[in-house]
Amino acid sequence: VQLVESGGGLVQAGGSLRLSCAASGRMFSFNALGWYRQAPGQGRELIASLRRGGDTYYSDSTKGRFTISRDRNTLYLQMISLKPEDTAMYFCAVSKTRDPREGSWGQGIQVTVSS
């Protein structure tokens, strides 16, 4: 499956963005969907995930501010109250296993939050 992210860019602290991850296949065919981010000089971290049954996970740094959701062909990440430390490259990943990392990845999209 091919994944294409969109919706990133530059935003001021306190602002909002919604990332989209468009898939060539139906999102409901995947068991695990996730959003990851990687800041310069740091590893890639899972920030939100969604299981087919509807269970969600959020990292401590995004809980209460980010929301993961999907429709038939697109995975979303709604981000509010953005902080400069949210600045990173954001990636979506989907898998038919329980771990999004084991499936397909998007190419990544930059989110920059200015103070």
C-alpha atoms as a PDB file:
ATOM      1  CA  VAL A   1       0.000   0.000   0.000  1.00  0.00           C
ATOM      2  CA  GLN A   2       1.146   3.525  -0.706  1.00  0.00           C
ATOM      3  CA  LEU A   3       0.734   6.240   1.902  1.00  0.00           C
ATOM      4  CA  VAL A   4       0.939   9.982   1.262  1.00  0.00           C
ATOM      5  CA  GLU A   5       0.962  12.493   4.102  1.00  0.00           C
ATOM      6  CA  SER A   6      -0.276  16.064   3.820  1.00  0.00           C
ATOM      7  CA  GLY A   7      -1.257  18.953   6.051  1.00  0.00           C
ATOM      8  CA  GLY A   8       2.060  19.805   7.623  1.00  0.00           C
ATOM      9  CA  GLY A   9       3.731  23.184   7.669  1.00  0.00           C
ATOM     10  CA  LEU A  10       4.654  26.094   9.883  1.00  0.00           C
ATOM     11  CA  VAL A  11       2.380  27.152  12.735  1.00  0.00           C
ATOM     12  CA  GLN A  12       2.718  29.352  15.774  1.00  0.00           C
ATOM     13  CA  ALA A  13       2.737  27.885  19.250  1.00  0.00           C
ATOM     14  CA  GLY A  14      -0.816  27.332  20.437  1.00  0.00           C
ATOM     15  CA  GLY A  15      -2.027  26.738  16.908  1.00  0.00           C
ATOM     16  CA  SER A  16      -3.527  23.673  15.275  1.00  0.00           C
ATOM     17  CA  LEU A  17      -2.845  21.439  12.300  1.00  0.00           C
ATOM     18  CA  ARG A  18      -4.487  18.357  10.891  1.00  0.00           C
ATOM     19  CA  LEU A  19      -2.279  15.801   9.203  1.00  0.00           C
ATOM     20  CA  SER A  20      -3.739  13.415   6.650  1.00  0.00           C
ATOM     21  CA  CYS A  21      -2.363  10.113   5.422  1.00  0.00           C
ATOM     22  CA  ALA A  22      -4.054   8.963   2.245  1.00  0.00           C
ATOM     23  CA  ALA A  23      -3.802   5.268   1.443  1.00  0.00           C
ATOM     24  CA  SER A  24      -4.134   3.404  -1.812  1.00  0.00           C
ATOM     25  CA  GLY A  25      -6.094   0.777   0.111  1.00  0.00           C
ATOM     26  CA  ARG A  26      -8.928   0.887   2.632  1.00  0.00           C
ATOM     27  CA  MET A  27      -7.848   1.879   6.122  1.00  0.00           C
ATOM     28  CA  PHE A  28     -10.270  -0.623   7.637  1.00  0.00           C
ATOM     29  CA  SER A  29      -8.250  -3.479   6.104  1.00  0.00           C
ATOM     30  CA  PHE A  30      -5.346  -2.719   8.434  1.00  0.00           C
ATOM     31  CA  ASN A  31      -5.151  -3.900  12.001  1.00  0.00           C
ATOM     32  CA  ALA A  32      -2.826  -1.220  13.339  1.00  0.00           C
ATOM     33  CA  LEU A  33      -2.461   2.400  12.265  1.00  0.00           C
ATOM     34  CA  GLY A  34       0.019   4.814  13.734  1.00  0.00           C
ATOM     35  CA  TRP A  35       1.583   8.237  13.654  1.00  0.00           C
ATOM     36  CA  TYR A  36       5.260   8.620  14.464  1.00  0.00           C
ATOM     37  CA  ARG A  37       7.541  11.601  14.628  1.00  0.00           C
ATOM     38  CA  GLN A  38      11.259  12.174  14.492  1.00  0.00           C
ATOM     39  CA  ALA A  39      12.942  15.342  15.639  1.00  0.00           C
ATOM     40  CA  PRO A  40      16.466  16.217  14.459  1.00  0.00           C
ATOM     41  CA  GLY A  41      19.052  14.060  16.189  1.00  0.00           C
ATOM     42  CA  GLN A  42      16.421  11.882  17.845  1.00  0.00           C
ATOM     43  CA  GLY A  43      14.866   8.512  17.173  1.00  0.00           C
ATOM     44  CA  ARG A  44      11.455   7.932  15.671  1.00  0.00           C
ATOM     45  CA  GLU A  45       8.781   7.721  18.344  1.00  0.00           C
ATOM     46  CA  LEU A  46       5.219   6.480  18.308  1.00  0.00           C
ATOM     47  CA  ILE A  47       2.874   9.304  19.283  1.00  0.00           C
ATOM     48  CA  ALA A  48      -0.553   7.867  18.478  1.00  0.00           C
ATOM     49  CA  SER A  49      -2.006   4.590  17.295  1.00  0.00           C
ATOM     50  CA  LEU A  50      -5.382   3.166  16.425  1.00  0.00           C
ATOM     51  CA  ARG A  51      -6.391  -0.475  16.323  1.00  0.00           C
ATOM     52  CA  ARG A  52      -9.093  -1.918  14.095  1.00  0.00           C
ATOM     53  CA  GLY A  53     -11.349  -2.411  17.114  1.00  0.00           C
ATOM     54  CA  GLY A  54     -11.061   1.259  17.992  1.00  0.00           C
ATOM     55  CA  ASP A  55      -8.499   1.144  20.789  1.00  0.00           C
ATOM     56  CA  THR A  56      -6.213   4.163  20.794  1.00  0.00           C
ATOM     57  CA  TYR A  57      -2.856   4.948  22.302  1.00  0.00           C
ATOM     58  CA  TYR A  58      -1.232   8.330  22.841  1.00  0.00           C
ATOM     59  CA  SER A  59       2.212   9.130  24.131  1.00  0.00           C
ATOM     60  CA  ASP A  60       2.438  11.198  27.283  1.00  0.00           C
ATOM     61  CA  SER A  61       3.657  14.156  25.253  1.00  0.00           C
ATOM     62  CA  THR A  62       0.581  14.193  22.984  1.00  0.00           C
ATOM     63  CA  LYS A  63      -2.221  12.921  25.189  1.00  0.00           C
ATOM     64  CA  GLY A  64      -5.038  15.448  25.423  1.00  0.00           C
ATOM     65  CA  ARG A  65      -3.757  17.498  22.482  1.00  0.00           C
ATOM     66  CA  PHE A  66      -3.627  15.063  19.552  1.00  0.00           C
ATOM     67  CA  THR A  67      -6.418  12.886  18.196  1.00  0.00           C
ATOM     68  CA  ILE A  68      -6.020   9.998  15.770  1.00  0.00           C
ATOM     69  CA  SER A  69      -8.917   8.996  13.544  1.00  0.00           C
ATOM     70  CA  ARG A  70      -9.629   7.452  10.163  1.00  0.00           C
ATOM     71  CA  ASP A  71     -12.182   7.229   7.441  1.00  0.00           C
ATOM     72  CA  ARG A  72     -12.351   4.758   4.576  1.00  0.00           C
ATOM     73  CA  ASN A  73      -9.091   5.725   2.877  1.00  0.00           C
ATOM     74  CA  THR A  74      -7.396   8.278   5.123  1.00  0.00           C
ATOM     75  CA  LEU A  75      -5.747   8.363   8.525  1.00  0.00           C
ATOM     76  CA  TYR A  76      -5.793  11.674  10.370  1.00  0.00           C
ATOM     77  CA  LEU A  77      -3.936  13.313  13.217  1.00  0.00           C
ATOM     78  CA  GLN A  78      -5.622  16.384  14.636  1.00  0.00           C
ATOM     79  CA  MET A  79      -3.148  18.446  16.617  1.00  0.00           C
ATOM     80  CA  ILE A  80      -4.119  21.342  18.878  1.00  0.00           C
ATOM     81  CA  SER A  81      -2.239  23.499  21.376  1.00  0.00           C
ATOM     82  CA  LEU A  82       0.953  22.887  19.460  1.00  0.00           C
ATOM     83  CA  LYS A  83       4.271  23.518  21.174  1.00  0.00           C
ATOM     84  CA  PRO A  84       7.752  24.203  19.756  1.00  0.00           C
ATOM     85  CA  GLU A  85       8.796  20.758  21.003  1.00  0.00           C
ATOM     86  CA  ASP A  86       6.263  19.231  18.592  1.00  0.00           C
ATOM     87  CA  THR A  87       8.528  20.300  15.749  1.00  0.00           C
ATOM     88  CA  ALA A  88       9.511  17.152  13.871  1.00  0.00           C
ATOM     89  CA  MET A  89       9.052  15.087  10.760  1.00  0.00           C
ATOM     90  CA  TYR A  90       5.787  13.183  11.071  1.00  0.00           C
ATOM     91  CA  PHE A  91       5.191   9.758   9.537  1.00  0.00           C
ATOM     92  CA  CYS A  92       2.137   7.556   9.215  1.00  0.00           C
ATOM     93  CA  ALA A  93       2.356   3.772   9.204  1.00  0.00           C
ATOM     94  CA  VAL A  94      -0.193   1.016   8.745  1.00  0.00           C
ATOM     95  CA  SER A  95       0.058  -2.722   9.151  1.00  0.00           C
ATOM     96  CA  LYS A  96      -2.040  -5.874   9.043  1.00  0.00           C
ATOM     97  CA  THR A  97      -0.127  -7.053  12.103  1.00  0.00           C
ATOM     98  CA  ARG A  98      -0.439  -5.562  15.590  1.00  0.00           C
ATOM     99  CA  ASP A  99       2.533  -3.231  15.054  1.00  0.00           C
ATOM    100  CA  PRO A 100       2.279  -0.374  12.546  1.00  0.00           C
ATOM    101  CA  ARG A 101       6.057  -0.442  12.074  1.00  0.00           C
ATOM    102  CA  GLU A 102       5.830  -3.832  10.398  1.00  0.00           C
ATOM    103  CA  GLY A 103       3.764  -2.519   7.505  1.00  0.00           C
ATOM    104  CA  SER A 104       3.930   0.423   5.133  1.00  0.00           C
ATOM    105  CA  TRP A 105       5.242   3.915   5.829  1.00  0.00           C
ATOM    106  CA  GLY A 106       4.526   7.297   4.394  1.00  0.00           C
ATOM    107  CA  GLN A 107       7.344   9.528   3.184  1.00  0.00           C
ATOM    108  CA  GLY A 108       6.999  11.920   6.095  1.00  0.00           C
ATOM    109  CA  ILE A 109       5.902  15.523   6.397  1.00  0.00           C
ATOM    110  CA  GLN A 110       7.460  18.395   8.291  1.00  0.00           C
ATOM    111  CA  VAL A 111       5.688  20.175  11.133  1.00  0.00           C
ATOM    112  CA  THR A 112       7.386  23.266  12.527  1.00  0.00           C
ATOM    113  CA  VAL A 113       6.000  25.114  15.535  1.00  0.00           C
ATOM    114  CA  SER A 114       7.426  28.559  16.159  1.00  0.00           C
ATOM    115  CA  SER A 115       7.541  30.129  19.612  1.00  0.00           C
END
